[in-house]
């Protein structure tokens, strides 16, 4: 059952438009509408999975959630603070409570620093968290926590580790300041399948142990199903369906969600024969000039004139942005 604790992170109608190079910003047709009105809540100890095709705005959303991008409109609220309004000491204190695990384990670590230096850095930036005499012991605890031997790995450099080990180091760095929320931006997409399972199981174990809330962003729906309490499906900068993981996977209501799920590999031969694969026609529209009305209508097999003229709101007991949702 999904957690029912306090809301720790809230996105309120988040919008992020990037001006095209050499053009007047923020006029119609002159901006890339990367994220265009995304709202959700994240509760303490919960995992919200965010899925969608490449280019739908997932990584831009992740960067706004931790304050690395400033929204064009809307707000990210972390407990009682607005993330993009925080400055100076307030921003520094906020960074202790919300961290990010980046997508590429090969570029997210400084190649000139040893693992000791990388994991000591958060305590150097936030010196009041731990006395200097206790920091090295804490670094060793962090490595042990993510399954790496401090005696062997502490003074090695990033190039001496595999992709899975590097991602574990990235997770250890995110855990250093004991955050309440970690945003995971496709943390396993660059890893082998067997290593993906190890990292996902590690994240689940750490959540059980420390009560961390995750926003877990991925394009692999089988991975998201394994770790998420709730799932939000994103298409061309908007959420088109949200709901508890089991409900969304067993009875998708948006045609796009159904098409995504039809592409998930099934190990049993009988199941593969029974499933109907949905092939979407064409490529996703440009985020510079998205379609009127429903953004998915240009690829939807049940679109009508209403879909072209009226944008469907994300609404309902099982929220879905569709004028003709599929049977639950």
Protein backbone atom coordinates (compact mmCIF):
# COMPACT_ATOMS: atom_id res chain seq x y z
CA UNK A 1 0.00 0.00 0.00
CA UNK A 2 1.42 3.46 -0.90
CA UNK A 3 2.69 5.60 2.01
CA UNK A 4 0.17 8.00 3.52
CA UNK A 5 2.63 10.28 5.38
CA UNK A 6 3.15 14.01 5.10
CA UNK A 7 3.73 15.60 1.71
CA UNK A 8 7.43 16.53 1.50
CA UNK A 9 7.67 17.64 -2.14
CA UNK A 10 5.05 19.32 -4.31
CA UNK A 11 5.20 20.47 -7.92
CA UNK A 12 2.63 23.17 -8.65
CA UNK A 13 1.92 23.68 -12.38
CA UNK A 14 5.60 23.52 -13.33
CA UNK A 15 6.51 25.06 -16.67
CA UNK A 16 9.96 25.28 -18.25
CA UNK A 17 10.43 26.94 -21.66
CA UNK A 18 13.86 27.26 -23.25
CA UNK A 19 14.32 30.12 -25.74
CA UNK A 20 15.66 29.04 -29.11
CA UNK A 21 19.13 30.38 -29.82
CA UNK A 22 19.15 33.74 -31.55
CA UNK A 23 15.41 34.36 -31.16
CA UNK A 24 13.34 36.63 -28.94
CA UNK A 25 12.48 34.48 -25.90
CA UNK A 26 9.04 33.51 -24.70
CA UNK A 27 6.99 34.35 -27.78
CA UNK A 28 4.82 31.83 -29.55
CA UNK A 29 6.88 29.40 -31.62
CA UNK A 30 10.21 30.71 -30.28
CA UNK A 31 10.61 28.44 -27.26
CA UNK A 32 11.08 24.74 -26.57
CA UNK A 33 8.23 23.76 -24.23
CA UNK A 34 10.18 21.12 -22.30
CA UNK A 35 7.80 20.96 -19.32
CA UNK A 36 4.37 22.51 -19.68
CA UNK A 37 2.18 22.35 -16.58
CA UNK A 38 3.20 19.42 -14.37
CA UNK A 39 1.73 19.01 -10.88
CA UNK A 40 2.13 16.21 -8.33
CA UNK A 41 2.76 15.47 -4.65
CA UNK A 42 5.37 13.19 -3.07
CA UNK A 43 4.84 11.80 0.42
CA UNK A 44 7.43 10.80 2.97
CA UNK A 45 8.85 7.34 2.27
CA UNK A 46 7.08 7.07 -1.10
CA UNK A 47 8.48 6.38 -4.57
CA UNK A 48 6.92 8.19 -7.51
CA UNK A 49 7.99 6.74 -10.85
CA UNK A 50 8.03 9.11 -13.85
CA UNK A 51 8.10 7.41 -17.27
CA UNK A 52 7.94 8.49 -20.90
CA UNK A 53 9.85 8.56 -24.17
CA UNK A 54 13.18 10.31 -24.54
CA UNK A 55 12.66 14.05 -24.99
CA UNK A 56 9.37 14.24 -23.06
CA UNK A 57 10.86 16.51 -20.36
CA UNK A 58 11.72 14.03 -17.58
CA UNK A 59 15.29 15.24 -16.97
CA UNK A 60 14.26 18.92 -17.11
CA UNK A 61 11.62 18.12 -14.48
CA UNK A 62 14.28 16.43 -12.31
CA UNK A 63 16.57 19.45 -12.50
CA UNK A 64 13.74 21.80 -11.49
CA UNK A 65 12.86 19.63 -8.52
CA UNK A 66 16.34 20.08 -7.01
CA UNK A 67 16.78 23.72 -8.03
CA UNK A 68 19.28 23.19 -10.88
CA UNK A 69 16.79 24.77 -13.31
CA UNK A 70 14.53 27.69 -12.51
CA UNK A 71 10.93 27.20 -13.70
CA UNK A 72 9.44 29.62 -16.19
CA UNK A 73 6.17 29.40 -14.26
CA UNK A 74 4.93 27.43 -11.27
CA UNK A 75 6.81 26.35 -8.17
CA UNK A 76 8.51 23.43 -6.47
CA UNK A 77 7.63 23.38 -2.77
CA UNK A 78 9.77 21.35 -0.40
CA UNK A 79 8.03 21.15 2.99
CA UNK A 80 7.61 24.87 3.81
CA UNK A 81 10.12 26.25 1.28
CA UNK A 82 9.90 27.23 -2.41
CA UNK A 83 13.01 25.65 -3.94
CA UNK A 84 13.77 28.21 -6.67
CA UNK A 85 13.26 31.16 -4.30
CA UNK A 86 15.85 29.96 -1.77
CA UNK A 87 19.11 31.90 -1.65
CA UNK A 88 22.39 31.77 0.28
CA UNK A 89 22.18 29.92 3.55
CA UNK A 90 18.55 28.92 2.98
CA UNK A 91 19.48 27.24 -0.31
CA UNK A 92 22.43 25.48 1.31
CA UNK A 93 20.25 24.10 4.08
CA UNK A 94 17.67 23.02 1.50
CA UNK A 95 20.30 21.09 -0.46
CA UNK A 96 20.92 18.89 2.58
CA UNK A 97 17.33 17.70 2.44
CA UNK A 98 16.90 17.02 -1.28
CA UNK A 99 19.59 15.37 -3.42
CA UNK A 100 19.91 13.98 -6.94
CA UNK A 101 21.46 10.84 -8.46
CA UNK A 102 22.46 11.67 -12.02
CA UNK A 103 21.92 9.52 -15.08
CA UNK A 104 25.45 8.85 -16.31
CA UNK A 105 27.73 7.24 -13.73
CA UNK A 106 30.73 7.91 -16.00
CA UNK A 107 30.42 11.71 -16.03
CA UNK A 108 28.80 12.41 -12.64
CA UNK A 109 32.05 11.84 -10.69
CA UNK A 110 35.11 14.10 -10.91
CA UNK A 111 37.87 11.95 -12.51
CA UNK A 112 40.61 13.93 -10.72
CA UNK A 113 39.32 13.22 -7.23
CA UNK A 114 39.60 9.99 -5.29
CA UNK A 115 36.49 8.42 -3.79
CA UNK A 116 37.65 9.64 -0.38
CA UNK A 117 37.71 13.23 -1.67
CA UNK A 118 34.38 12.89 -3.51
CA UNK A 119 32.55 11.64 -0.43
CA UNK A 120 34.21 14.10 1.94
CA UNK A 121 33.17 17.06 -0.22
CA UNK A 122 29.53 17.28 1.03
CA UNK A 123 30.86 17.67 4.60
CA UNK A 124 33.31 20.35 3.47
CA UNK A 125 30.44 22.29 1.88
CA UNK A 126 28.27 21.76 4.99
CA UNK A 127 30.89 21.79 7.79
CA UNK A 128 28.34 21.98 10.61
CA UNK A 129 26.88 18.54 9.76
CA UNK A 130 29.77 16.59 11.28
CA UNK A 131 32.95 17.45 13.21
CA UNK A 132 36.08 17.01 11.10
CA UNK A 133 37.24 14.10 13.26
CA UNK A 134 34.12 12.05 12.40
CA UNK A 135 33.90 12.64 8.66
CA UNK A 136 36.24 9.88 7.46
CA UNK A 137 34.38 7.29 9.54
CA UNK A 138 31.11 8.52 8.01
CA UNK A 139 32.58 8.15 4.50
CA UNK A 140 33.57 4.56 5.30
CA UNK A 141 30.05 3.89 6.60
CA UNK A 142 28.57 5.27 3.38
CA UNK A 143 30.72 3.00 1.21
CA UNK A 144 29.82 0.02 3.34
CA UNK A 145 26.15 0.98 3.11
CA UNK A 146 26.19 0.77 -0.70
CA UNK A 147 28.12 -2.49 -0.78
CA UNK A 148 31.69 -1.26 -1.40
CA UNK A 149 34.67 -2.17 0.79
CA UNK A 150 36.28 1.00 2.23
CA UNK A 151 39.61 -0.77 2.75
CA UNK A 152 39.78 -1.57 -0.97
CA UNK A 153 37.92 1.30 -2.67
CA UNK A 154 38.45 4.43 -0.58
CA UNK A 155 41.55 5.75 -2.36
CA UNK A 156 40.74 4.60 -5.89
CA UNK A 157 39.67 6.95 -8.68
CA UNK A 158 36.41 6.79 -10.70
CA UNK A 159 38.05 5.25 -13.79
CA UNK A 160 38.97 2.20 -11.69
CA UNK A 161 35.31 1.27 -11.11
CA UNK A 162 32.60 -0.36 -13.21
CA UNK A 163 29.40 1.51 -14.12
CA UNK A 164 27.43 -0.18 -11.35
CA UNK A 165 30.09 0.63 -8.77
CA UNK A 166 30.19 4.27 -9.91
CA UNK A 167 26.43 4.54 -9.52
CA UNK A 168 26.73 3.12 -6.00
CA UNK A 169 29.27 5.85 -5.25
CA UNK A 170 26.83 8.42 -6.63
CA UNK A 171 24.14 7.05 -4.32
CA UNK A 172 26.55 7.16 -1.36
CA UNK A 173 27.28 10.82 -2.14
CA UNK A 174 23.54 11.58 -2.29
CA UNK A 175 23.06 9.88 1.10
CA UNK A 176 25.92 11.72 2.82
CA UNK A 177 23.80 14.55 4.26
CA UNK A 178 20.87 12.26 5.16
CA UNK A 179 18.32 13.80 2.76
CA UNK A 180 14.57 13.33 2.97
CA UNK A 181 14.13 13.18 -0.83
CA UNK A 182 16.37 11.83 -3.59
CA UNK A 183 15.56 12.52 -7.24
CA UNK A 184 16.89 9.64 -9.35
CA UNK A 185 17.27 10.76 -12.97
CA UNK A 186 17.43 7.50 -14.95
CA UNK A 187 19.96 6.05 -12.48
CA UNK A 188 20.12 2.60 -14.14
CA UNK A 189 19.66 3.36 -17.84
CA UNK A 190 23.42 3.17 -18.57
CA UNK A 191 23.90 -0.11 -16.69
CA UNK A 192 23.65 -3.79 -17.62
CA UNK A 193 20.40 -5.54 -16.69
CA UNK A 194 21.94 -7.57 -13.85
CA UNK A 195 23.56 -4.43 -12.41
CA UNK A 196 20.26 -2.52 -12.77
CA UNK A 197 18.60 -5.03 -10.45
CA UNK A 198 21.37 -4.61 -7.87
CA UNK A 199 21.08 -0.80 -7.87
CA UNK A 200 17.25 -0.85 -7.71
CA UNK A 201 17.32 -3.34 -4.82
CA UNK A 202 19.87 -1.13 -3.06
CA UNK A 203 17.59 1.90 -3.41
CA UNK A 204 14.64 -0.06 -2.00
CA UNK A 205 16.70 -1.29 0.95
CA UNK A 206 17.91 2.22 1.74
CA UNK A 207 14.34 3.52 1.57
CA UNK A 208 13.16 0.88 4.03
CA UNK A 209 16.04 1.70 6.35
CA UNK A 210 15.95 5.51 6.25
CA UNK A 211 12.41 6.40 5.06
CA UNK A 212 13.69 8.33 2.02
CA UNK A 213 11.20 9.47 -0.62
CA UNK A 214 12.22 8.99 -4.27
CA UNK A 215 11.24 10.56 -7.56
CA UNK A 216 12.46 7.75 -9.84
CA UNK A 217 12.71 8.82 -13.48
CA UNK A 218 13.15 6.17 -16.17
CA UNK A 219 12.01 5.01 -19.59
CA UNK A 220 12.13 1.31 -18.62
CA UNK A 221 8.65 0.49 -17.34
CA UNK A 222 9.65 -2.89 -15.88
CA UNK A 223 12.21 -1.17 -13.61
CA UNK A 224 9.68 1.48 -12.59
CA UNK A 225 7.08 -1.16 -11.75
CA UNK A 226 9.52 -2.90 -9.41
CA UNK A 227 10.35 0.17 -7.33
CA UNK A 228 7.40 2.60 -7.52
CA UNK A 229 4.36 3.07 -5.28
CA UNK A 230 2.79 5.46 -7.81
CA UNK A 231 3.57 6.09 -11.46
CA UNK A 232 3.20 9.26 -13.55
CA UNK A 233 3.29 8.94 -17.35
CA UNK A 234 4.72 11.94 -19.21
CA UNK A 235 4.23 12.86 -22.87
CA UNK A 236 5.60 15.97 -24.59
CA UNK A 237 6.00 17.99 -21.39
CA UNK A 238 2.71 16.98 -19.71
CA UNK A 239 1.47 14.25 -17.40
CA UNK A 240 -1.15 12.15 -19.17
CA UNK A 241 -1.90 9.56 -16.47
CA UNK A 242 -1.04 8.95 -12.83
CA UNK A 243 -2.02 6.32 -10.31
CA UNK A 244 -0.88 3.50 -8.02
CA UNK A 245 1.64 1.32 -9.83
CA UNK A 246 -0.48 -1.85 -9.77
CA UNK A 247 -3.60 -0.06 -11.09
CA UNK A 248 -1.76 1.71 -13.87
CA UNK A 249 0.06 -1.41 -15.06
CA UNK A 250 -2.92 -3.75 -14.82
CA UNK A 251 -5.53 -1.38 -16.26
CA UNK A 252 -4.01 1.59 -18.14
CA UNK A 253 -6.58 4.20 -19.15
CA UNK A 254 -4.62 6.48 -21.48
CA UNK A 255 -3.86 5.15 -24.99
CA UNK A 256 -0.23 6.29 -24.68
CA UNK A 257 0.22 4.36 -21.42
CA UNK A 258 -1.30 1.26 -23.05
CA UNK A 259 1.09 1.59 -25.99
CA UNK A 260 4.09 1.94 -23.69
CA UNK A 261 3.10 -1.12 -21.67
CA UNK A 262 2.61 -3.17 -24.82
CA UNK A 263 6.33 -2.74 -25.54
CA UNK A 264 7.53 -4.13 -22.18
CA UNK A 265 9.29 -7.49 -22.75
CA UNK A 266 7.45 -10.56 -21.43
CA UNK A 267 9.63 -13.55 -20.52
CA UNK A 268 6.91 -16.21 -20.93
CA UNK A 269 6.31 -17.32 -24.54
CA UNK A 270 2.58 -17.81 -23.90
CA UNK A 271 2.22 -14.25 -22.63
CA UNK A 272 4.04 -12.85 -25.66
CA UNK A 273 1.62 -14.59 -28.03
CA UNK A 274 -1.45 -13.33 -26.18
CA UNK A 275 -0.38 -9.69 -25.96
CA UNK A 276 -1.31 -7.23 -28.69
CA UNK A 277 1.64 -4.99 -29.57
CA UNK A 278 0.61 -1.37 -30.26
CA UNK A 279 2.83 0.41 -32.78
CA UNK A 280 2.43 4.19 -32.63
CA UNK A 281 2.46 5.92 -36.00
CA UNK A 282 4.98 8.68 -36.62
CA UNK A 283 7.39 10.46 -34.31
CA UNK A 284 6.52 12.61 -31.29
CA UNK A 285 5.62 16.18 -32.35
CA UNK A 286 8.08 19.01 -31.81
CA UNK A 287 8.02 20.61 -28.33
CA UNK A 288 8.51 23.95 -30.11
CA UNK A 289 5.08 23.69 -31.73
CA UNK A 290 3.01 21.00 -29.97
CA UNK A 291 -0.39 20.00 -31.41
CA UNK A 292 -3.51 21.85 -30.34
CA UNK A 293 -5.88 20.13 -27.95
CA UNK A 294 -4.56 16.75 -26.83
CA UNK A 295 -0.84 16.51 -27.54
CA UNK A 296 -1.05 12.77 -28.18
CA UNK A 297 -3.83 13.02 -30.78
CA UNK A 298 -1.47 12.95 -33.79
CA UNK A 299 -0.44 9.39 -32.85
CA UNK A 300 -3.67 8.18 -31.21
CA UNK A 301 -5.86 5.59 -32.92
CA UNK A 302 -9.07 6.89 -31.32
CA UNK A 303 -8.64 10.66 -31.76
CA UNK A 304 -11.63 12.75 -32.88
CA UNK A 305 -12.23 16.43 -33.72
CA UNK A 306 -12.79 17.11 -30.02
CA UNK A 307 -9.23 15.98 -29.32
CA UNK A 308 -7.93 18.59 -31.79
CA UNK A 309 -9.83 21.52 -30.31
CA UNK A 310 -10.01 20.88 -26.55
CA UNK A 311 -7.16 19.94 -24.24
CA UNK A 312 -8.26 17.20 -21.79
CA UNK A 313 -7.49 17.93 -18.11
CA UNK A 314 -5.71 15.41 -15.90
CA UNK A 315 -8.68 14.46 -13.75
CA UNK A 316 -10.69 11.64 -12.21
CA UNK A 317 -10.29 9.12 -9.39
CA UNK A 318 -7.62 7.48 -11.56
CA UNK A 319 -6.29 10.72 -13.10
CA UNK A 320 -6.05 10.53 -16.89
CA UNK A 321 -5.81 13.33 -19.49
CA UNK A 322 -8.00 11.83 -22.22
CA UNK A 323 -11.44 12.62 -23.65
CA UNK A 324 -12.05 8.92 -24.31
CA UNK A 325 -10.17 6.97 -21.62
CA UNK A 326 -9.89 3.22 -22.02
CA UNK A 327 -11.92 0.93 -19.78
CA UNK A 328 -10.24 0.44 -16.38
